[in-house]
Amino acid sequence: MKVEDIDVSLRYGKLLNKGWIIFSYIVLGLLTLLLSYCVYDTYSSTRNIIDILYIVFSFVLIFAAYIWIILKYKMIRKKIKECLKDLKVDDKLFTDRAVLSEISNGKNEMLEPKDYKIKYAGDFRRETIGNIYELYQQRLKENNALDFDDIINYTIKILTENPDVLEYYTEKFKYVLVDEYQDTNKAQFMLVSILASKYGNITVVGDNDQGIYSFRGADITNILNFEKDFPGTKIIKLEQNYRCTGNILKAANAVIKHNENKYEKKLWTANDEGELPSIYQSEDEYDEASYVVKQINHLKTEEYYKYSDFVVLYRMNSQSRAIEDILRREDIPYKIVGGLKFYERKEIKDIIAYLKENNIKKILFVCGNSFKKTKMYKEIIV
């Protein structure tokens, strides 16, 4: 594949559909209104106008990129669903999300469809996904489109097959810096290695003891073998912790020392020893939430803390449901930082409204045509 072909795929793919064009017109219209307002408001203050436009335009670009990612992901899932249908694959056994995840892992390992099928020959599920992968790539090519993982892999392909392009970009990027290096996969490792191949000026930041994304294709050996891959490496250990108490770090060190593959390091802090951490093994999410609330009530009663002194941390937004339920049951005030309360989310409020037989018109209006195909819509109409 030529560089020009890749360029055409990236710039003129069918991802630029009608919805995206309409969105572009809306953005241009808003920018026009903003410019008019700035000119009117500031009159001759040219610098002020430029500053405002720069900030707003930066925001618009970020927002546009976010919308583009959403549109692209929807397009990718649609293509996977089409492949499942054409190959007569049961979409309940092979959901589009699961298949897309497996294909992504294959691409992270830089496996093309034929290589993927060879590697997993004899594995019924993987062989089926290999056939879907092959058809999926054909469909992407027919539509002049790339998915997220293709962007890296085709970039590697361009750089390795075109010495002049490689020369240009290794001169352009003489210094390479990578954060969270423990979470990189094979394709990402290959890309940074190629970019740093001429000058060897590469700096990475990472912690092998925080590598938790292997299920997503991350390869912990990238950071463990860094000294071998890049001879002359200087390692700077950042062992002082400024956030945690001494007892927290002792607990962390006690866990970390059991890792088989590791860089030797000893976390320490100048902070106080602090309270001993406690561990509670719950039966389920509601038992866990009940324990948290009991501890809050105990500390509030016995040690005179205020509700505002407590914070509950959780890994995923979905975990807030059980915690919120118990807090509401115990009539404890709370707020969600960086998101919405479970019962304030739009879809939940709409469902509750339906169950209360209120706001039915609003539900129908918001959900649109896709909702009209559901059982709930038929029940409402009846």
Protein backbone atom coordinates (compact mmCIF):
# COMPACT_ATOMS: atom_id res chain seq x y z
CA MET A 1 0.00 0.00 0.00
CA LYS A 2 1.36 3.44 -0.95
CA VAL A 3 1.67 6.39 1.36
CA GLU A 4 -0.80 8.25 -0.85
CA ASP A 5 -3.37 5.49 -0.40
CA ILE A 6 -3.10 5.74 3.38
CA ASP A 7 -3.41 9.50 3.19
CA VAL A 8 -6.54 9.21 1.07
CA SER A 9 -8.01 6.68 3.52
CA LEU A 10 -7.44 8.99 6.44
CA ARG A 11 -8.70 12.18 4.81
CA TYR A 12 -11.51 11.05 2.57
CA GLY A 13 -12.93 7.96 4.29
CA LYS A 14 -16.67 7.54 4.40
CA LEU A 15 -16.59 8.45 8.04
CA LEU A 16 -17.39 11.99 6.88
CA ASN A 17 -21.09 11.24 6.65
CA LYS A 18 -24.09 13.51 6.56
CA GLY A 19 -24.26 13.87 10.35
CA TRP A 20 -20.64 15.02 10.50
CA ILE A 21 -21.22 17.58 7.74
CA ILE A 22 -24.25 19.00 9.54
CA PHE A 23 -22.21 19.23 12.74
CA SER A 24 -19.46 21.10 10.86
CA TYR A 25 -21.96 23.67 9.58
CA ILE A 26 -23.25 24.18 13.12
CA VAL A 27 -19.71 24.75 14.43
CA LEU A 28 -18.95 27.21 11.63
CA GLY A 29 -22.17 29.04 12.37
CA LEU A 30 -21.33 29.32 16.05
CA LEU A 31 -17.84 30.58 15.25
CA THR A 32 -19.32 33.22 12.93
CA LEU A 33 -21.67 34.41 15.67
CA LEU A 34 -18.80 34.47 18.14
CA LEU A 35 -16.63 36.53 15.79
CA SER A 36 -19.46 39.00 15.27
CA TYR A 37 -19.93 39.33 19.03
CA CYS A 38 -16.21 39.81 19.66
CA VAL A 39 -15.94 42.51 16.99
CA TYR A 40 -18.99 44.29 18.35
CA ASP A 41 -17.97 43.96 21.99
CA THR A 42 -14.31 44.94 21.67
CA TYR A 43 -14.59 47.23 18.63
CA SER A 44 -10.94 47.81 17.79
CA SER A 45 -9.24 45.60 20.35
CA THR A 46 -7.69 43.22 17.83
CA ARG A 47 -5.50 41.40 20.31
CA ASN A 48 -8.45 40.62 22.56
CA ILE A 49 -10.37 39.19 19.62
CA ILE A 50 -7.46 36.94 18.64
CA ASP A 51 -7.00 35.70 22.20
CA ILE A 52 -10.68 34.84 22.57
CA LEU A 53 -10.86 33.16 19.17
CA TYR A 54 -7.73 31.11 19.94
CA ILE A 55 -9.23 29.77 23.17
CA VAL A 56 -12.63 29.06 21.65
CA PHE A 57 -11.17 27.49 18.53
CA SER A 58 -9.01 25.20 20.67
CA PHE A 59 -12.11 24.15 22.60
CA VAL A 60 -14.02 23.55 19.35
CA LEU A 61 -11.20 21.37 18.00
CA ILE A 62 -11.16 19.26 21.17
CA PHE A 63 -14.94 18.91 21.11
CA ALA A 64 -14.91 18.07 17.40
CA ALA A 65 -12.25 15.39 18.00
CA TYR A 66 -14.40 13.88 20.75
CA ILE A 67 -17.44 13.76 18.45
CA TRP A 68 -15.29 12.29 15.69
CA ILE A 69 -14.12 9.49 17.99
CA ILE A 70 -17.73 8.67 18.93
CA LEU A 71 -18.81 8.60 15.28
CA LYS A 72 -15.85 6.46 14.31
CA TYR A 73 -16.46 3.95 17.11
CA LYS A 74 -20.12 3.65 16.09
CA MET A 75 -19.08 3.10 12.48
CA ILE A 76 -16.61 0.39 13.53
CA ARG A 77 -19.23 -1.45 15.60
CA LYS A 78 -21.66 -1.23 12.71
CA LYS A 79 -19.13 -2.86 10.40
CA ILE A 80 -18.54 -5.67 12.89
CA LYS A 81 -22.29 -6.30 13.12
CA GLU A 82 -22.51 -6.45 9.32
CA CYS A 83 -19.69 -9.01 9.24
CA LEU A 84 -21.42 -11.14 11.88
CA LYS A 85 -24.61 -11.10 9.83
CA ASP A 86 -22.91 -11.88 6.52
CA LEU A 87 -20.96 -14.80 8.03
CA LYS A 88 -24.11 -16.03 9.81
CA VAL A 89 -22.39 -15.90 13.19
CA ASP A 90 -24.57 -15.93 16.30
CA ASP A 91 -24.32 -12.39 17.68
CA LYS A 92 -25.26 -13.62 21.12
CA LEU A 93 -22.25 -15.91 21.33
CA PHE A 94 -20.06 -13.39 19.52
CA THR A 95 -21.10 -9.88 20.50
CA ASP A 96 -19.75 -6.98 18.48
CA ARG A 97 -17.97 -5.57 21.53
CA ALA A 98 -16.24 -8.85 22.37
CA VAL A 99 -15.22 -9.48 18.75
CA LEU A 100 -13.90 -5.94 18.37
CA SER A 101 -11.88 -6.36 21.57
CA GLU A 102 -10.32 -9.60 20.30
CA ILE A 103 -9.50 -8.04 16.92
CA SER A 104 -7.97 -5.05 18.70
CA ASN A 105 -5.77 -7.38 20.76
CA GLY A 106 -4.67 -9.10 17.57
CA LYS A 107 -3.76 -5.79 15.97
CA ASN A 108 -1.91 -4.74 19.13
CA GLU A 109 0.23 -7.85 18.59
CA MET A 110 0.62 -6.74 14.94
CA LEU A 111 -1.15 -9.87 13.66
CA GLU A 112 -2.84 -9.59 10.29
CA PRO A 113 -5.94 -11.78 9.72
CA LYS A 114 -4.00 -14.68 8.16
CA ASP A 115 -1.40 -14.59 10.94
CA TYR A 116 -4.14 -14.43 13.57
CA LYS A 117 -5.84 -17.54 12.15
CA ILE A 118 -2.55 -19.43 11.98
CA LYS A 119 -1.67 -18.56 15.57
CA TYR A 120 -5.05 -19.67 16.91
CA ALA A 121 -5.66 -22.64 14.63
CA GLY A 122 -7.68 -25.30 16.46
CA ASP A 123 -9.40 -22.79 18.74
CA PHE A 124 -13.02 -22.62 17.50
CA ARG A 125 -13.77 -19.22 18.98
CA ARG A 126 -10.55 -17.59 17.83
CA GLU A 127 -10.83 -19.17 14.37
CA THR A 128 -14.34 -17.74 14.03
CA ILE A 129 -13.08 -14.34 15.13
CA GLY A 130 -10.25 -14.71 12.61
CA ASN A 131 -12.80 -15.09 9.80
CA ILE A 132 -14.69 -12.04 11.08
CA TYR A 133 -11.38 -10.14 11.31
CA GLU A 134 -10.56 -10.97 7.68
CA LEU A 135 -13.96 -9.81 6.39
CA TYR A 136 -13.87 -6.73 8.64
CA GLN A 137 -10.56 -5.61 7.12
CA GLN A 138 -11.99 -6.08 3.64
CA ARG A 139 -14.97 -3.89 4.52
CA LEU A 140 -12.73 -1.19 5.96
CA LYS A 141 -10.69 -1.16 2.76
CA GLU A 142 -13.83 -0.96 0.63
CA ASN A 143 -14.88 2.10 2.62
CA ASN A 144 -11.44 3.76 2.58
CA ALA A 145 -11.44 3.61 6.37
CA LEU A 146 -9.11 2.72 9.22
CA ASP A 147 -9.89 1.87 12.82
CA PHE A 148 -7.90 3.06 15.83
CA ASP A 149 -5.39 0.20 15.86
CA ASP A 150 -4.84 0.43 12.10
CA ILE A 151 -3.61 4.00 12.51
CA ILE A 152 -0.57 2.82 14.48
CA ASN A 153 0.05 -0.31 12.42
CA TYR A 154 -0.14 1.49 9.07
CA THR A 155 2.11 4.23 10.44
CA ILE A 156 4.66 1.54 11.26
CA LYS A 157 4.19 0.08 7.78
CA ILE A 158 4.78 3.45 6.13
CA LEU A 159 7.89 4.16 8.18
CA THR A 160 9.47 0.74 7.62
CA GLU A 161 8.71 0.58 3.89
CA ASN A 162 9.64 4.17 3.01
CA PRO A 163 13.17 5.21 4.08
CA ASP A 164 12.60 8.82 3.01
CA VAL A 165 9.52 9.11 5.23
CA LEU A 166 11.39 7.51 8.13
CA GLU A 167 14.28 9.94 7.65
CA TYR A 168 11.90 12.91 7.70
CA TYR A 169 10.14 11.90 10.92
CA THR A 170 13.23 10.79 12.82
CA GLU A 171 14.65 14.25 12.11
CA LYS A 172 11.38 15.89 13.10
CA PHE A 173 11.11 13.97 16.39
CA LYS A 174 14.66 13.84 17.73
CA TYR A 175 13.43 13.38 21.30
CA VAL A 176 10.71 10.89 22.27
CA LEU A 177 8.92 10.93 25.63
CA VAL A 178 6.39 8.24 26.63
CA ASP A 179 4.28 8.30 29.79
CA GLU A 180 2.72 5.21 31.47
CA TYR A 181 5.16 3.01 29.58
CA GLN A 182 4.12 -0.11 31.49
CA ASP A 183 0.77 0.06 29.64
CA THR A 184 2.20 0.03 26.10
CA ASN A 185 1.58 -2.84 23.69
CA LYS A 186 3.74 -4.38 20.98
CA ALA A 187 2.62 -2.01 18.22
CA GLN A 188 3.21 1.07 20.38
CA PHE A 189 6.64 -0.26 21.38
CA MET A 190 7.51 -0.78 17.73
CA LEU A 191 6.42 2.75 16.80
CA VAL A 192 8.47 4.52 19.49
CA SER A 193 11.45 2.27 18.76
CA ILE A 194 11.37 3.26 15.10
CA LEU A 195 11.04 6.97 15.89
CA ALA A 196 13.96 6.78 18.33
CA SER A 197 16.10 4.56 16.09
CA LYS A 198 18.30 7.33 14.68
CA TYR A 199 19.27 9.36 17.73
CA GLY A 200 18.30 7.06 20.60
CA ASN A 201 16.91 9.98 22.58
CA ILE A 202 14.01 8.28 24.33
CA THR A 203 12.72 8.87 27.84
CA VAL A 204 9.91 6.83 29.35
CA VAL A 205 8.06 7.16 32.64
CA GLY A 206 6.41 4.11 34.15
CA ASP A 207 6.10 1.66 37.00
CA ASN A 208 6.21 -2.08 36.35
CA ASP A 209 4.26 -2.63 39.57
CA GLN A 210 1.31 -0.71 38.15
CA GLY A 211 0.89 -2.77 35.00
CA ILE A 212 -2.79 -3.73 35.12
CA TYR A 213 -3.86 -3.59 31.46
CA SER A 214 -2.55 -6.88 30.08
CA PHE A 215 -6.19 -7.83 29.30
CA ARG A 216 -6.16 -4.87 26.90
CA GLY A 217 -2.96 -5.92 25.15
CA ALA A 218 -0.39 -4.14 27.35
CA ASP A 219 2.96 -5.96 27.48
CA ILE A 220 4.80 -5.54 30.79
CA THR A 221 8.04 -6.81 29.21
CA ASN A 222 8.30 -3.51 27.32
CA ILE A 223 9.36 -1.75 30.51
CA LEU A 224 11.18 -4.73 32.04
CA ASN A 225 13.39 -5.11 28.93
CA PHE A 226 13.90 -1.39 28.34
CA GLU A 227 17.61 -1.50 29.24
CA LYS A 228 18.17 -4.33 26.75
CA ASP A 229 16.17 -2.64 23.97
CA PHE A 230 17.90 0.71 24.48
CA PRO A 231 21.53 0.18 25.59
CA GLY A 232 23.04 2.94 27.68
CA THR A 233 19.82 3.59 29.56
CA LYS A 234 20.00 5.54 32.81
CA ILE A 235 17.34 4.62 35.37
CA ILE A 236 16.12 7.22 37.84
CA LYS A 237 14.00 5.72 40.62
CA LEU A 238 11.34 7.98 42.10
CA GLU A 239 10.94 6.18 45.40
CA GLN A 240 9.81 8.99 47.69
CA ASN A 241 6.03 9.19 48.06
CA TYR A 242 4.53 12.55 49.01
CA ARG A 243 0.89 11.50 49.28
CA CYS A 244 0.57 8.42 51.48
CA THR A 245 1.30 7.69 55.12
CA GLY A 246 4.04 5.31 56.23
CA ASN A 247 1.72 2.41 56.99
CA ILE A 248 0.10 2.62 53.56
CA LEU A 249 3.51 2.36 51.90
CA LYS A 250 4.51 -0.56 54.15
CA ALA A 251 1.40 -2.41 52.99
CA ALA A 252 2.19 -1.57 49.36
CA ASN A 253 5.80 -2.75 49.68
CA ALA A 254 4.62 -5.99 51.34
CA VAL A 255 2.46 -6.74 48.28
CA ILE A 256 4.95 -5.58 45.64
CA LYS A 257 7.82 -7.71 46.98
CA HIS A 258 6.04 -10.89 45.82
CA ASN A 259 6.17 -9.84 42.14
CA GLU A 260 8.49 -12.15 40.21
CA ASN A 261 9.54 -9.69 37.50
CA LYS A 262 10.42 -6.32 38.94
CA TYR A 263 12.87 -3.51 39.31
CA GLU A 264 14.09 -3.40 42.88
CA LYS A 265 12.76 -0.34 44.63
CA LYS A 266 11.69 0.68 48.10
CA LEU A 267 8.94 3.23 48.49
CA TRP A 268 9.31 5.62 51.42
CA THR A 269 7.78 8.81 52.75
CA ALA A 270 8.61 11.60 55.15
CA ASN A 271 4.97 11.64 56.26
CA ASP A 272 3.72 10.27 59.58
CA GLU A 273 3.07 6.56 60.02
CA GLY A 274 -0.67 7.17 60.15
CA GLU A 275 -3.47 4.70 60.87
CA LEU A 276 -3.11 1.04 59.99
CA PRO A 277 -5.06 0.18 56.83
CA SER A 278 -7.96 -2.25 57.31
CA ILE A 279 -9.24 -4.83 54.85
CA TYR A 280 -12.80 -6.05 54.56
CA GLN A 281 -13.79 -8.93 52.30
CA SER A 282 -17.41 -8.41 51.32
CA GLU A 283 -19.89 -10.91 49.92
CA ASP A 284 -21.19 -8.56 47.22
CA GLU A 285 -21.38 -4.88 46.28
CA TYR A 286 -24.22 -4.15 48.72
CA ASP A 287 -22.41 -5.79 51.61
CA GLU A 288 -19.39 -3.68 50.71
CA ALA A 289 -21.46 -0.48 50.61
CA SER A 290 -23.11 -1.33 53.94
CA TYR A 291 -19.70 -1.77 55.56
CA VAL A 292 -18.53 1.60 54.22
CA VAL A 293 -21.62 3.36 55.57
CA LYS A 294 -21.30 1.64 58.97
CA GLN A 295 -17.73 2.91 59.23
CA ILE A 296 -18.83 6.42 58.34
CA ASN A 297 -21.56 6.38 60.99
CA HIS A 298 -19.18 4.91 63.56
CA LEU A 299 -16.49 7.53 63.00
CA LYS A 300 -19.06 10.32 62.94
CA THR A 301 -20.56 9.20 66.25
CA GLU A 302 -17.46 8.09 68.14
CA GLU A 303 -14.82 10.50 66.83
CA TYR A 304 -17.06 13.42 65.90
CA TYR A 305 -16.21 13.60 62.22
CA LYS A 306 -18.52 15.46 59.84
CA TYR A 307 -19.99 13.92 56.69
CA SER A 308 -17.86 16.37 54.71
CA ASP A 309 -14.73 14.72 56.15
CA PHE A 310 -15.36 11.47 54.24
CA VAL A 311 -14.66 10.46 50.66
CA VAL A 312 -15.45 7.11 49.01
CA LEU A 313 -13.23 6.12 46.09
CA TYR A 314 -14.27 3.54 43.50
CA ARG A 315 -12.71 2.23 40.31
CA MET A 316 -15.67 2.32 37.90
CA ASN A 317 -18.75 4.53 37.66
CA SER A 318 -20.99 1.47 37.76
CA GLN A 319 -19.86 0.82 41.33
CA SER A 320 -21.59 3.96 42.57
CA ARG A 321 -25.06 2.37 42.36
CA ALA A 322 -24.80 0.17 45.47
CA ILE A 323 -23.00 2.84 47.48
CA GLU A 324 -25.61 5.45 46.58
CA ASP A 325 -28.47 3.09 47.44
CA ILE A 326 -27.13 2.52 50.97
CA LEU A 327 -26.33 6.19 51.50
CA ARG A 328 -29.87 7.14 50.47
CA ARG A 329 -31.34 4.42 52.67
CA GLU A 330 -29.38 5.76 55.66
CA ASP A 331 -30.31 9.35 54.72
CA ILE A 332 -26.65 10.39 54.41
CA PRO A 333 -26.07 13.42 52.15
CA TYR A 334 -23.50 12.95 49.38
CA LYS A 335 -22.37 14.28 46.03
CA ILE A 336 -20.67 12.64 43.08
CA VAL A 337 -17.49 14.39 41.93
CA GLY A 338 -16.76 14.23 38.22
CA GLY A 339 -20.09 12.68 37.26
CA LEU A 340 -23.79 12.41 37.97
CA LYS A 341 -25.54 10.64 40.78
CA PHE A 342 -27.01 7.35 39.60
CA TYR A 343 -30.59 8.53 40.02
CA GLU A 344 -29.85 11.85 38.32
CA ARG A 345 -28.66 10.24 35.10
CA LYS A 346 -30.93 10.99 32.20
CA GLU A 347 -31.71 7.40 31.28
CA ILE A 348 -32.49 6.45 34.89
CA LYS A 349 -34.75 9.47 35.39
CA ASP A 350 -36.61 8.59 32.18
CA ILE A 351 -37.11 4.98 33.25
CA ILE A 352 -38.34 6.05 36.67
CA ALA A 353 -40.66 8.53 34.97
CA TYR A 354 -42.04 5.71 32.85
CA LEU A 355 -42.53 3.46 35.84
CA LYS A 356 -44.42 6.25 37.58
CA GLU A 357 -46.49 6.70 34.40
CA ASN A 358 -45.32 10.28 34.04
CA ASN A 359 -43.44 12.17 31.32
CA ILE A 360 -44.34 9.53 28.71
CA LYS A 361 -44.25 12.08 25.89
CA LYS A 362 -40.75 13.14 26.89
CA ILE A 363 -39.52 9.54 26.77
CA LEU A 364 -40.95 9.00 23.30
CA PHE A 365 -39.51 12.27 22.00
CA VAL A 366 -35.99 11.72 23.35
CA CYS A 367 -35.63 8.06 22.42
CA GLY A 368 -36.70 8.53 18.78
CA ASN A 369 -37.24 5.85 16.15
CA SER A 370 -35.04 3.19 17.75
CA PHE A 371 -37.25 3.28 20.83
CA LYS A 372 -40.37 2.68 18.73
CA LYS A 373 -39.12 -0.82 17.97
CA THR A 374 -38.95 -1.81 21.63
CA LYS A 375 -41.43 -3.71 23.74
CA MET A 376 -41.71 -0.76 26.11
CA TYR A 377 -42.94 1.50 23.29
CA LYS A 378 -45.61 -1.01 22.29
CA GLU A 379 -46.78 -1.29 25.87
CA ILE A 380 -47.08 2.50 26.09
CA ILE A 381 -49.04 2.73 22.86
CA VAL A 382 -51.39 -0.03 23.98
